PDB file of N, CA and C in Angstrom:
ATOM      1  N   UNK A   1      -0.061  13.065  -7.277  1.00  0.00           N
ATOM      2  CA  UNK A   1       0.062  12.037  -5.981  1.00  0.00           C
ATOM      3  C   UNK A   1      -0.914  11.223  -6.220  1.00  0.00           C
ATOM      4  N   UNK A   2      -0.627   9.793  -5.761  1.00  0.00           N
ATOM      5  CA  UNK A   2      -1.672   8.766  -5.670  1.00  0.00           C
ATOM      6  C   UNK A   2      -1.579   8.433  -4.334  1.00  0.00           C
ATOM      7  N   UNK A   3      -2.958   7.809  -3.732  1.00  0.00           N
ATOM      8  CA  UNK A   3      -3.118   7.297  -2.459  1.00  0.00           C
ATOM      9  C   UNK A   3      -3.704   6.158  -2.467  1.00  0.00           C
ATOM     10  N   UNK A   4      -3.653   5.557  -1.233  1.00  0.00           N
ATOM     11  CA  UNK A   4      -4.421   4.208  -1.033  1.00  0.00           C
ATOM     12  C   UNK A   4      -4.583   4.119   0.532  1.00  0.00           C
ATOM     13  N   UNK A   5      -5.748   3.654   0.755  1.00  0.00           N
ATOM     14  CA  UNK A   5      -6.041   3.192   2.092  1.00  0.00           C
ATOM     15  C   UNK A   5      -5.165   1.860   2.387  1.00  0.00           C
ATOM     16  N   UNK A   6      -4.621   1.578   3.437  1.00  0.00           N
ATOM     17  CA  UNK A   6      -4.045   0.252   4.144  1.00  0.00           C
ATOM     18  C   UNK A   6      -5.063  -0.333   4.943  1.00  0.00           C
ATOM     19  N   UNK A   7      -5.564  -1.602   4.386  1.00  0.00           N
ATOM     20  CA  UNK A   7      -6.696  -2.212   5.341  1.00  0.00           C
ATOM     21  C   UNK A   7      -5.945  -3.476   5.909  1.00  0.00           C
ATOM     22  N   UNK A   8      -6.238  -3.583   7.154  1.00  0.00           N
ATOM     23  CA  UNK A   8      -5.788  -4.670   8.052  1.00  0.00           C
ATOM     24  C   UNK A   8      -6.954  -5.719   8.259  1.00  0.00           C
ATOM     25  N   UNK A   9      -7.079  -6.739   7.970  1.00  0.00           N
ATOM     26  CA  UNK A   9      -8.349  -7.537   7.791  1.00  0.00           C
ATOM     27  C   UNK A   9      -9.656  -6.652   7.708  1.00  0.00           C
ATOM     28  N   UNK A  10      -9.449  -5.763   6.815  1.00  0.00           N
ATOM     29  CA  UNK A  10     -10.900  -4.909   6.332  1.00  0.00           C
ATOM     30  C   UNK A  10     -10.948  -3.698   7.168  1.00  0.00           C
ATOM     31  N   UNK A  11     -10.071  -3.454   8.079  1.00  0.00           N
ATOM     32  CA  UNK A  11     -10.311  -2.124   8.979  1.00  0.00           C
ATOM     33  C   UNK A  11      -9.099  -1.206   8.446  1.00  0.00           C
ATOM     34  N   UNK A  12      -9.349  -0.018   8.394  1.00  0.00           N
ATOM     35  CA  UNK A  12      -8.176   1.076   8.155  1.00  0.00           C
ATOM     36  C   UNK A  12      -6.957   1.110   8.930  1.00  0.00           C
ATOM     37  N   UNK A  13      -6.010   0.793   8.630  1.00  0.00           N
ATOM     38  CA  UNK A  13      -4.527   0.609   9.068  1.00  0.00           C
ATOM     39  C   UNK A  13      -3.904   2.157   9.108  1.00  0.00           C
ATOM     40  N   UNK A  14      -3.899   2.381   7.701  1.00  0.00           N
ATOM     41  CA  UNK A  14      -3.248   3.736   7.573  1.00  0.00           C
ATOM     42  C   UNK A  14      -3.166   4.131   6.179  1.00  0.00           C
ATOM     43  N   UNK A  15      -2.309   4.925   5.627  1.00  0.00           N
ATOM     44  CA  UNK A  15      -2.528   5.368   4.194  1.00  0.00           C
ATOM     45  C   UNK A  15      -1.099   5.492   3.507  1.00  0.00           C
ATOM     46  N   UNK A  16      -0.904   4.952   2.097  1.00  0.00           N
ATOM     47  CA  UNK A  16       0.327   4.823   1.618  1.00  0.00           C
ATOM     48  C   UNK A  16      -0.010   5.688   0.579  1.00  0.00           C
ATOM     49  N   UNK A  17       1.150   6.942   0.256  1.00  0.00           N
ATOM     50  CA  UNK A  17       1.140   7.764  -0.905  1.00  0.00           C
ATOM     51  C   UNK A  17       2.137   7.518  -1.727  1.00  0.00           C
ATOM     52  N   UNK A  18       1.846   8.067  -2.956  1.00  0.00           N
ATOM     53  CA  UNK A  18       3.188   8.085  -3.664  1.00  0.00           C
ATOM     54  C   UNK A  18       3.178   9.677  -4.381  1.00  0.00           C
ATOM     55  N   UNK A  19       4.122  10.427  -4.023  1.00  0.00           N
ATOM     56  CA  UNK A  19       4.437  11.956  -4.284  1.00  0.00           C
ATOM     57  C   UNK A  19       4.590  11.999  -5.726  1.00  0.00           C
ATOM     58  N   UNK A  20       4.530  13.055  -6.321  1.00  0.00           N
ATOM     59  CA  UNK A  20       4.850  13.480  -7.855  1.00  0.00           C
ATOM     60  C   UNK A  20       6.216  13.014  -8.027  1.00  0.00           C
ATOM     61  N   UNK A  21       7.135  12.825  -6.976  1.00  0.00           N
ATOM     62  CA  UNK A  21       8.530  12.912  -7.288  1.00  0.00           C
ATOM     63  C   UNK A  21       8.821  11.383  -7.395  1.00  0.00           C
ATOM     64  N   UNK A  22       8.004  10.469  -7.000  1.00  0.00           N
ATOM     65  CA  UNK A  22       7.922   9.188  -6.862  1.00  0.00           C
ATOM     66  C   UNK A  22       8.463   8.466  -5.735  1.00  0.00           C
ATOM     67  N   UNK A  23       8.462   9.593  -4.798  1.00  0.00           N
ATOM     68  CA  UNK A  23       8.922   9.039  -3.326  1.00  0.00           C
ATOM     69  C   UNK A  23       7.416   8.569  -2.594  1.00  0.00           C
ATOM     70  N   UNK A  24       7.532   7.659  -1.672  1.00  0.00           N
ATOM     71  CA  UNK A  24       6.517   7.110  -1.010  1.00  0.00           C
ATOM     72  C   UNK A  24       6.498   7.271   0.491  1.00  0.00           C
ATOM     73  N   UNK A  25       5.129   7.692   1.161  1.00  0.00           N
ATOM     74  CA  UNK A  25       5.010   8.037   2.472  1.00  0.00           C
ATOM     75  C   UNK A  25       3.888   6.791   3.125  1.00  0.00           C
ATOM     76  N   UNK A  26       4.048   6.194   4.158  1.00  0.00           N
ATOM     77  CA  UNK A  26       3.244   5.807   4.773  1.00  0.00           C
ATOM     78  C   UNK A  26       2.757   6.249   6.102  1.00  0.00           C
ATOM     79  N   UNK A  27       1.668   6.541   6.636  1.00  0.00           N
ATOM     80  CA  UNK A  27       1.111   6.903   7.996  1.00  0.00           C
ATOM     81  C   UNK A  27      -0.024   6.301   8.283  1.00  0.00           C
ATOM     82  N   UNK A  28       0.114   5.771   9.740  1.00  0.00           N
ATOM     83  CA  UNK A  28      -0.593   4.992  10.318  1.00  0.00           C
ATOM     84  C   UNK A  28      -2.111   5.849  10.513  1.00  0.00           C
ATOM     85  N   UNK A  29      -3.127   5.575  10.681  1.00  0.00           N
ATOM     86  CA  UNK A  29      -4.348   6.157  10.899  1.00  0.00           C
ATOM     87  C   UNK A  29      -4.528   6.194  12.454  1.00  0.00           C
ATOM     88  N   UNK A  30      -4.955   7.162  12.820  1.00  0.00           N
ATOM     89  CA  UNK A  30      -4.950   7.890  14.144  1.00  0.00           C
ATOM     90  C   UNK A  30      -5.634   6.897  15.104  1.00  0.00           C
ATOM     91  N   UNK A  31      -6.867   6.347  14.612  1.00  0.00           N
ATOM     92  CA  UNK A  31      -7.595   5.378  15.473  1.00  0.00           C
ATOM     93  C   UNK A  31      -6.933   4.206  15.681  1.00  0.00           C
ATOM     94  N   UNK A  32      -6.269   3.757  14.576  1.00  0.00           N
ATOM     95  CA  UNK A  32      -5.409   2.346  14.863  1.00  0.00           C
ATOM     96  C   UNK A  32      -4.122   2.391  15.700  1.00  0.00           C
ATOM     97  N   UNK A  33      -3.754   3.730  15.609  1.00  0.00           N
ATOM     98  CA  UNK A  33      -2.528   4.063  16.637  1.00  0.00           C
ATOM     99  C   UNK A  33      -3.022   3.924  18.196  1.00  0.00           C
ATOM    100  N   UNK A  34      -4.162   4.549  18.157  1.00  0.00           N
ATOM    101  CA  UNK A  34      -4.749   4.746  19.619  1.00  0.00           C
ATOM    102  C   UNK A  34      -5.132   3.247  19.759  1.00  0.00           C
ATOM    103  N   UNK A  35      -5.633   2.544  19.080  1.00  0.00           N
ATOM    104  CA  UNK A  35      -5.935   1.000  19.913  1.00  0.00           C
ATOM    105  C   UNK A  35      -4.814   0.215  20.194  1.00  0.00           C
ATOM    106  N   UNK A  36      -4.403  -0.143  21.353  1.00  0.00           N
ATOM    107  CA  UNK A  36      -3.233  -0.892  21.931  1.00  0.00           C
ATOM    108  C   UNK A  36      -3.435  -2.512  21.192  1.00  0.00           C
ATOM    109  N   UNK A  37      -4.654  -2.569  20.755  1.00  0.00           N
ATOM    110  CA  UNK A  37      -5.054  -4.036  20.490  1.00  0.00           C
ATOM    111  C   UNK A  37      -4.584  -4.281  19.092  1.00  0.00           C
ATOM    112  N   UNK A  38      -4.640  -3.156  18.245  1.00  0.00           N
ATOM    113  CA  UNK A  38      -3.723  -3.236  16.874  1.00  0.00           C
ATOM    114  C   UNK A  38      -2.641  -3.236  16.606  1.00  0.00           C
ATOM    115  N   UNK A  39      -2.199  -4.420  15.825  1.00  0.00           N
ATOM    116  CA  UNK A  39      -0.805  -4.417  15.708  1.00  0.00           C
ATOM    117  C   UNK A  39      -0.133  -3.541  14.682  1.00  0.00           C
ATOM    118  N   UNK A  40       0.869  -3.657  14.612  1.00  0.00           N
ATOM    119  CA  UNK A  40       1.849  -2.908  13.358  1.00  0.00           C
ATOM    120  C   UNK A  40       1.673  -3.828  12.310  1.00  0.00           C
ATOM    121  N   UNK A  41       1.476  -3.170  11.113  1.00  0.00           N
ATOM    122  CA  UNK A  41       0.879  -4.061   9.957  1.00  0.00           C
ATOM    123  C   UNK A  41       2.428  -4.996   9.281  1.00  0.00           C
ATOM    124  N   UNK A  42       3.380  -4.593   9.996  1.00  0.00           N
ATOM    125  CA  UNK A  42       4.572  -5.044   9.790  1.00  0.00           C
ATOM    126  C   UNK A  42       5.731  -4.625  10.734  1.00  0.00           C
ATOM    127  N   UNK A  43       6.532  -5.678  10.838  1.00  0.00           N
ATOM    128  CA  UNK A  43       7.820  -5.366  12.049  1.00  0.00           C
ATOM    129  C   UNK A  43       8.702  -4.086  11.526  1.00  0.00           C
ATOM    130  N   UNK A  44       8.652  -3.808  10.156  1.00  0.00           N
ATOM    131  CA  UNK A  44       9.393  -2.887   9.546  1.00  0.00           C
ATOM    132  C   UNK A  44       8.812  -1.371   9.500  1.00  0.00           C
ATOM    133  N   UNK A  45       7.392  -1.531   9.823  1.00  0.00           N
ATOM    134  CA  UNK A  45       6.434  -0.455   9.978  1.00  0.00           C
ATOM    135  C   UNK A  45       6.058  -0.417  11.146  1.00  0.00           C
ATOM    136  N   UNK A  46       6.804  -0.195  12.198  1.00  0.00           N
ATOM    137  CA  UNK A  46       6.096  -0.010  13.884  1.00  0.00           C
ATOM    138  C   UNK A  46       4.948   0.952  13.926  1.00  0.00           C
ATOM    139  N   UNK A  47       4.169   0.805  14.934  1.00  0.00           N
ATOM    140  CA  UNK A  47       3.037   1.757  15.010  1.00  0.00           C
ATOM    141  C   UNK A  47       3.932   3.212  15.611  1.00  0.00           C
ATOM    142  N   UNK A  48       3.528   4.147  14.892  1.00  0.00           N
ATOM    143  CA  UNK A  48       4.410   5.487  15.565  1.00  0.00           C
ATOM    144  C   UNK A  48       3.397   6.532  14.964  1.00  0.00           C
ATOM    145  N   UNK A  49       3.678   7.738  15.449  1.00  0.00           N
ATOM    146  CA  UNK A  49       2.765   8.853  14.994  1.00  0.00           C
ATOM    147  C   UNK A  49       3.525   9.442  13.678  1.00  0.00           C
ATOM    148  N   UNK A  50       4.915   9.004  13.438  1.00  0.00           N
ATOM    149  CA  UNK A  50       5.818   9.744  12.333  1.00  0.00           C
ATOM    150  C   UNK A  50       5.489   9.292  11.125  1.00  0.00           C
ATOM    151  N   UNK A  51       5.735  10.038  10.051  1.00  0.00           N
ATOM    152  CA  UNK A  51       5.446   9.335   8.533  1.00  0.00           C
ATOM    153  C   UNK A  51       6.756   8.605   8.432  1.00  0.00           C
ATOM    154  N   UNK A  52       6.513   7.556   7.654  1.00  0.00           N
ATOM    155  CA  UNK A  52       7.439   6.791   7.200  1.00  0.00           C
ATOM    156  C   UNK A  52       7.798   7.282   5.721  1.00  0.00           C
ATOM    157  N   UNK A  53       8.953   7.618   5.312  1.00  0.00           N
ATOM    158  CA  UNK A  53       9.318   8.201   3.821  1.00  0.00           C
ATOM    159  C   UNK A  53      10.075   7.144   3.314  1.00  0.00           C
ATOM    160  N   UNK A  54      10.250   6.722   1.716  1.00  0.00           N
ATOM    161  CA  UNK A  54      11.025   5.959   1.117  1.00  0.00           C
ATOM    162  C   UNK A  54      11.125   6.477  -0.364  1.00  0.00           C
ATOM    163  N   UNK A  55      12.408   6.275  -0.808  1.00  0.00           N
ATOM    164  CA  UNK A  55      12.506   6.615  -2.234  1.00  0.00           C
ATOM    165  C   UNK A  55      11.675   5.898  -3.221  1.00  0.00           C
ATOM    166  N   UNK A  56      11.850   4.393  -2.762  1.00  0.00           N
ATOM    167  CA  UNK A  56      11.044   3.267  -3.298  1.00  0.00           C
ATOM    168  C   UNK A  56      10.070   2.799  -2.532  1.00  0.00           C
ATOM    169  N   UNK A  57       9.150   2.001  -3.317  1.00  0.00           N
ATOM    170  CA  UNK A  57       7.876   1.378  -2.387  1.00  0.00           C
ATOM    171  C   UNK A  57       8.746   0.605  -1.356  1.00  0.00           C
ATOM    172  N   UNK A  58       7.932   0.829  -0.277  1.00  0.00           N
ATOM    173  CA  UNK A  58       8.226  -0.038   0.805  1.00  0.00           C
ATOM    174  C   UNK A  58       8.540  -1.381   0.658  1.00  0.00           C
ATOM    175  N   UNK A  59       9.373  -2.164   1.180  1.00  0.00           N
ATOM    176  CA  UNK A  59       9.533  -3.531   0.951  1.00  0.00           C
ATOM    177  C   UNK A  59       8.507  -4.284   1.289  1.00  0.00           C
ATOM    178  N   UNK A  60       7.866  -4.006   2.445  1.00  0.00           N
ATOM    179  CA  UNK A  60       6.564  -4.669   2.942  1.00  0.00           C
ATOM    180  C   UNK A  60       5.515  -4.827   1.694  1.00  0.00           C
ATOM    181  N   UNK A  61       5.264  -3.684   1.021  1.00  0.00           N
ATOM    182  CA  UNK A  61       4.032  -3.409   0.181  1.00  0.00           C
ATOM    183  C   UNK A  61       4.658  -4.128  -1.292  1.00  0.00           C
ATOM    184  N   UNK A  62       5.925  -3.844  -1.498  1.00  0.00           N
ATOM    185  CA  UNK A  62       6.484  -4.487  -2.629  1.00  0.00           C
ATOM    186  C   UNK A  62       6.175  -6.139  -2.863  1.00  0.00           C
ATOM    187  N   UNK A  63       6.564  -6.738  -1.348  1.00  0.00           N
ATOM    188  CA  UNK A  63       6.310  -7.946  -1.517  1.00  0.00           C
ATOM    189  C   UNK A  63       5.055  -8.556  -1.848  1.00  0.00           C
ATOM    190  N   UNK A  64       4.063  -7.778  -1.768  1.00  0.00           N
ATOM    191  CA  UNK A  64       2.423  -8.035  -1.954  1.00  0.00           C
ATOM    192  C   UNK A  64       2.347  -7.995  -3.737  1.00  0.00           C
ATOM    193  N   UNK A  65       3.182  -7.622  -4.494  1.00  0.00           N
ATOM    194  CA  UNK A  65       2.869  -7.723  -5.864  1.00  0.00           C
ATOM    195  C   UNK A  65       3.194  -8.950  -6.670  1.00  0.00           C
ATOM    196  N   UNK A  66       2.483  -9.019  -7.758  1.00  0.00           N
ATOM    197  CA  UNK A  66       2.772 -10.597  -8.442  1.00  0.00           C
ATOM    198  C   UNK A  66       4.121 -10.260  -8.949  1.00  0.00           C
ATOM    199  N   UNK A  67       4.660 -11.525  -9.512  1.00  0.00           N
ATOM    200  CA  UNK A  67       6.207 -11.464  -9.926  1.00  0.00           C
ATOM    201  C   UNK A  67       5.974 -12.403 -11.417  1.00  0.00           C
ATOM    202  N   UNK A  68       6.783 -12.448 -12.316  1.00  0.00           N
ATOM    203  CA  UNK A  68       7.128 -13.128 -13.262  1.00  0.00           C
ATOM    204  C   UNK A  68       5.816 -12.919 -14.413  1.00  0.00           C
ATOM    205  N   UNK A  69       5.574 -14.246 -14.930  1.00  0.00           N
ATOM    206  CA  UNK A  69       4.459 -14.102 -16.111  1.00  0.00           C
ATOM    207  C   UNK A  69       3.057 -13.469 -15.288  1.00  0.00           C
ATOM    208  N   UNK A  70       2.529 -13.623 -14.015  1.00  0.00           N
ATOM    209  CA  UNK A  70       1.756 -13.119 -13.679  1.00  0.00           C
ATOM    210  C   UNK A  70       1.629 -11.357 -13.750  1.00  0.00           C
ATOM    211  N   UNK A  71       2.701 -10.957 -13.198  1.00  0.00           N
ATOM    212  CA  UNK A  71       3.026  -9.395 -13.371  1.00  0.00           C
ATOM    213  C   UNK A  71       2.935  -9.322 -14.901  1.00  0.00           C
ATOM    214  N   UNK A  72       3.361  -9.712 -15.887  1.00  0.00           N
ATOM    215  CA  UNK A  72       3.182  -9.322 -17.218  1.00  0.00           C
ATOM    216  C   UNK A  72       1.588  -9.600 -17.654  1.00  0.00           C
ATOM    217  N   UNK A  73       1.269 -10.202 -16.902  1.00  0.00           N
ATOM    218  CA  UNK A  73      -0.453 -10.635 -17.659  1.00  0.00           C
ATOM    219  C   UNK A  73      -1.319  -9.282 -16.933  1.00  0.00           C
ATOM    220  N   UNK A  74      -0.764  -9.270 -15.812  1.00  0.00           N
ATOM    221  CA  UNK A  74      -1.604  -7.944 -15.131  1.00  0.00           C
ATOM    222  C   UNK A  74      -1.206  -6.762 -15.723  1.00  0.00           C
ATOM    223  N   UNK A  75      -0.099  -6.461 -16.072  1.00  0.00           N
ATOM    224  CA  UNK A  75       0.398  -5.083 -16.754  1.00  0.00           C
ATOM    225  C   UNK A  75      -0.271  -5.121 -18.155  1.00  0.00           C
ATOM    226  N   UNK A  76      -0.253  -6.414 -18.734  1.00  0.00           N
ATOM    227  CA  UNK A  76      -0.833  -6.309 -20.135  1.00  0.00           C
ATOM    228  C   UNK A  76      -2.296  -6.062 -20.298  1.00  0.00           C
ATOM    229  N   UNK A  77      -2.930  -6.659 -19.167  1.00  0.00           N
ATOM    230  CA  UNK A  77      -4.506  -6.589 -19.055  1.00  0.00           C
ATOM    231  C   UNK A  77      -4.804  -5.125 -18.724  1.00  0.00           C
ATOM    232  N   UNK A  78      -4.260  -4.507 -17.743  1.00  0.00           N
ATOM    233  CA  UNK A  78      -4.761  -3.285 -17.086  1.00  0.00           C
ATOM    234  C   UNK A  78      -3.832  -2.245 -17.591  1.00  0.00           C
ATOM    235  N   UNK A  79      -3.020  -2.493 -18.557  1.00  0.00           N
ATOM    236  CA  UNK A  79      -2.307  -1.307 -19.474  1.00  0.00           C
ATOM    237  C   UNK A  79      -1.515  -0.654 -18.497  1.00  0.00           C
ATOM    238  N   UNK A  80      -0.600  -1.144 -17.864  1.00  0.00           N
ATOM    239  CA  UNK A  80       0.239  -0.749 -16.484  1.00  0.00           C
ATOM    240  C   UNK A  80       1.719  -0.766 -16.839  1.00  0.00           C
ATOM    241  N   UNK A  81       2.351  -0.038 -16.795  1.00  0.00           N
ATOM    242  CA  UNK A  81       3.863   0.034 -17.265  1.00  0.00           C
ATOM    243  C   UNK A  81       4.449  -1.182 -16.051  1.00  0.00           C
ATOM    244  N   UNK A  82       5.231  -1.883 -16.317  1.00  0.00           N
ATOM    245  CA  UNK A  82       5.832  -2.869 -15.644  1.00  0.00           C
ATOM    246  C   UNK A  82       6.691  -2.327 -14.610  1.00  0.00           C
ATOM    247  N   UNK A  83       7.257  -1.173 -14.608  1.00  0.00           N
ATOM    248  CA  UNK A  83       7.980  -0.458 -13.696  1.00  0.00           C
ATOM    249  C   UNK A  83       7.237   0.312 -12.519  1.00  0.00           C
ATOM    250  N   UNK A  84       5.857   0.430 -12.786  1.00  0.00           N
ATOM    251  CA  UNK A  84       4.833   1.262 -11.935  1.00  0.00           C
ATOM    252  C   UNK A  84       4.507   0.239 -10.915  1.00  0.00           C
ATOM    253  N   UNK A  85       5.478   0.281  -9.741  1.00  0.00           N
ATOM    254  CA  UNK A  85       5.057  -0.769  -8.790  1.00  0.00           C
ATOM    255  C   UNK A  85       3.852  -0.196  -7.946  1.00  0.00           C
ATOM    256  N   UNK A  86       3.675   0.833  -7.918  1.00  0.00           N
ATOM    257  CA  UNK A  86       2.372   1.506  -6.903  1.00  0.00           C
ATOM    258  C   UNK A  86       1.132   1.250  -7.712  1.00  0.00           C
ATOM    259  N   UNK A  87       0.946   1.437  -9.119  1.00  0.00           N
ATOM    260  CA  UNK A  87       0.170   0.906  -9.977  1.00  0.00           C
ATOM    261  C   UNK A  87      -0.256  -0.212  -9.974  1.00  0.00           C
ATOM    262  N   UNK A  88       0.708  -1.155 -10.112  1.00  0.00           N
ATOM    263  CA  UNK A  88       0.271  -2.552  -9.722  1.00  0.00           C
ATOM    264  C   UNK A  88      -0.238  -2.867  -8.395  1.00  0.00           C
ATOM    265  N   UNK A  89       0.351  -2.237  -7.538  1.00  0.00           N
ATOM    266  CA  UNK A  89       0.195  -2.453  -6.252  1.00  0.00           C
ATOM    267  C   UNK A  89      -1.598  -2.208  -5.963  1.00  0.00           C
ATOM    268  N   UNK A  90      -1.647  -0.931  -6.735  1.00  0.00           N
ATOM    269  CA  UNK A  90      -3.404  -0.528  -6.518  1.00  0.00           C
ATOM    270  C   UNK A  90      -4.379  -1.258  -7.061  1.00  0.00           C
ATOM    271  N   UNK A  91      -3.748  -1.971  -8.497  1.00  0.00           N
ATOM    272  CA  UNK A  91      -4.630  -2.794  -9.125  1.00  0.00           C
ATOM    273  C   UNK A  91      -5.012  -4.078  -8.676  1.00  0.00           C
ATOM    274  N   UNK A  92      -3.750  -4.718  -8.017  1.00  0.00           N
ATOM    275  CA  UNK A  92      -4.013  -6.042  -7.637  1.00  0.00           C
ATOM    276  C   UNK A  92      -4.013  -6.420  -6.196  1.00  0.00           C
ATOM    277  N   UNK A  93      -3.735  -5.573  -5.158  1.00  0.00           N
ATOM    278  CA  UNK A  93      -3.794  -5.638  -3.772  1.00  0.00           C
ATOM    279  C   UNK A  93      -5.281  -5.332  -3.273  1.00  0.00           C
ATOM    280  N   UNK A  94      -6.323  -4.863  -3.733  1.00  0.00           N
ATOM    281  CA  UNK A  94      -7.513  -5.046  -3.419  1.00  0.00           C
ATOM    282  C   UNK A  94      -8.289  -5.860  -2.880  1.00  0.00           C
ATOM    283  N   UNK A  95      -7.957  -7.171  -3.628  1.00  0.00           N
ATOM    284  CA  UNK A  95      -9.054  -8.158  -3.394  1.00  0.00           C
ATOM    285  C   UNK A  95      -8.005  -9.449  -2.988  1.00  0.00           C
ATOM    286  N   UNK A  96      -7.214  -9.604  -3.919  1.00  0.00           N
ATOM    287  CA  UNK A  96      -6.600 -10.800  -3.745  1.00  0.00           C
ATOM    288  C   UNK A  96      -5.038 -10.792  -3.298  1.00  0.00           C
ATOM    289  N   UNK A  97      -4.796 -10.819  -1.910  1.00  0.00           N
ATOM    290  CA  UNK A  97      -3.551 -10.954  -1.306  1.00  0.00           C
ATOM    291  C   UNK A  97      -3.242 -12.051  -0.517  1.00  0.00           C
ATOM    292  N   UNK A  98      -2.120 -12.253  -0.112  1.00  0.00           N
ATOM    293  CA  UNK A  98      -1.480 -13.314   1.094  1.00  0.00           C
ATOM    294  C   UNK A  98      -1.476 -12.625   2.100  1.00  0.00           C
ATOM    295  N   UNK A  99      -2.233 -12.734   3.095  1.00  0.00           N
ATOM    296  CA  UNK A  99      -2.024 -12.249   4.605  1.00  0.00           C
ATOM    297  C   UNK A  99      -3.358 -11.267   4.901  1.00  0.00           C
ATOM    298  N   UNK A 100      -3.130 -10.431   5.689  1.00  0.00           N
ATOM    299  CA  UNK A 100      -4.191  -9.644   6.195  1.00  0.00           C
ATOM    300  C   UNK A 100      -4.435  -8.297   5.639  1.00  0.00           C
ATOM    301  N   UNK A 101      -3.456  -7.835   4.829  1.00  0.00           N
ATOM    302  CA  UNK A 101      -3.663  -6.546   4.000  1.00  0.00           C
ATOM    303  C   UNK A 101      -4.049  -6.628   2.885  1.00  0.00           C
ATOM    304  N   UNK A 102      -5.183  -5.552   2.708  1.00  0.00           N
ATOM    305  CA  UNK A 102      -5.421  -5.082   1.302  1.00  0.00           C
ATOM    306  C   UNK A 102      -5.241  -3.720   1.358  1.00  0.00           C
ATOM    307  N   UNK A 103      -5.281  -3.281  -0.274  1.00  0.00           N
ATOM    308  CA  UNK A 103      -4.995  -1.784  -0.363  1.00  0.00           C
ATOM    309  C   UNK A 103      -6.228  -1.388  -1.255  1.00  0.00           C
ATOM    310  N   UNK A 104      -6.870  -0.170  -0.800  1.00  0.00           N
ATOM    311  CA  UNK A 104      -7.778   0.630  -1.486  1.00  0.00           C
ATOM    312  C   UNK A 104      -7.494   1.579  -2.063  1.00  0.00           C
ATOM    313  N   UNK A 105      -7.937   1.805  -3.339  1.00  0.00           N
ATOM    314  CA  UNK A 105      -7.078   3.090  -3.786  1.00  0.00           C
ATOM    315  C   UNK A 105      -8.256   4.481  -3.436  1.00  0.00           C
ATOM    316  N   UNK A 106      -7.473   5.710  -2.997  1.00  0.00           N
ATOM    317  CA  UNK A 106      -8.371   6.738  -2.724  1.00  0.00           C
ATOM    318  C   UNK A 106      -8.321   7.524  -3.914  1.00  0.00           C
ATOM    319  N   UNK A 107      -9.319   7.921  -4.507  1.00  0.00           N
ATOM    320  CA  UNK A 107      -9.857   8.718  -5.734  1.00  0.00           C
ATOM    321  C   UNK A 107      -9.663  10.098  -5.408  1.00  0.00           C
ATOM    322  N   UNK A 108      -8.947  10.943  -6.220  1.00  0.00           N
ATOM    323  CA  UNK A 108      -8.978  12.720  -5.895  1.00  0.00           C
ATOM    324  C   UNK A 108      -9.027  12.841  -4.575  1.00  0.00           C
ATOM    325  N   UNK A 109      -7.973  12.294  -3.594  1.00  0.00           N
ATOM    326  CA  UNK A 109      -7.884  13.059  -2.417  1.00  0.00           C
ATOM    327  C   UNK A 109      -8.780  12.666  -1.425  1.00  0.00           C
ATOM    328  N   UNK A 110     -10.153  12.022  -1.749  1.00  0.00           N
ATOM    329  CA  UNK A 110     -10.921  11.686  -1.118  1.00  0.00           C
ATOM    330  C   UNK A 110     -10.630  10.324   0.021  1.00  0.00           C
ATOM    331  N   UNK A 111     -11.019  10.465   1.324  1.00  0.00           N
ATOM    332  CA  UNK A 111     -10.759   9.359   1.970  1.00  0.00           C
ATOM    333  C   UNK A 111     -11.517   8.188   2.208  1.00  0.00           C
TER     334      UNK A 111
END
């Protein structure tokens, strides 16, 4: 399993996980949920206690990925399979994203 913190303007909003079977889970951080001033990270991922589960990377996160030649360059540089969307997300969405969301890899299950 691979995991990442989802940050909204640098603040922890939730956790995105890829299970060993390739499926994905997103769940909001409890503190984020309790603060009524904190928005959902996406209209497609409304604030709720429940886990969101998907067989594919959620479209909201997929749209943070580089495309075309930029994607190929990232994959060649970092030795990532071009079909590994989560690996690309973990590599590229930690600093340079469009919008308020960044992704921070969680190493070995630590939060």
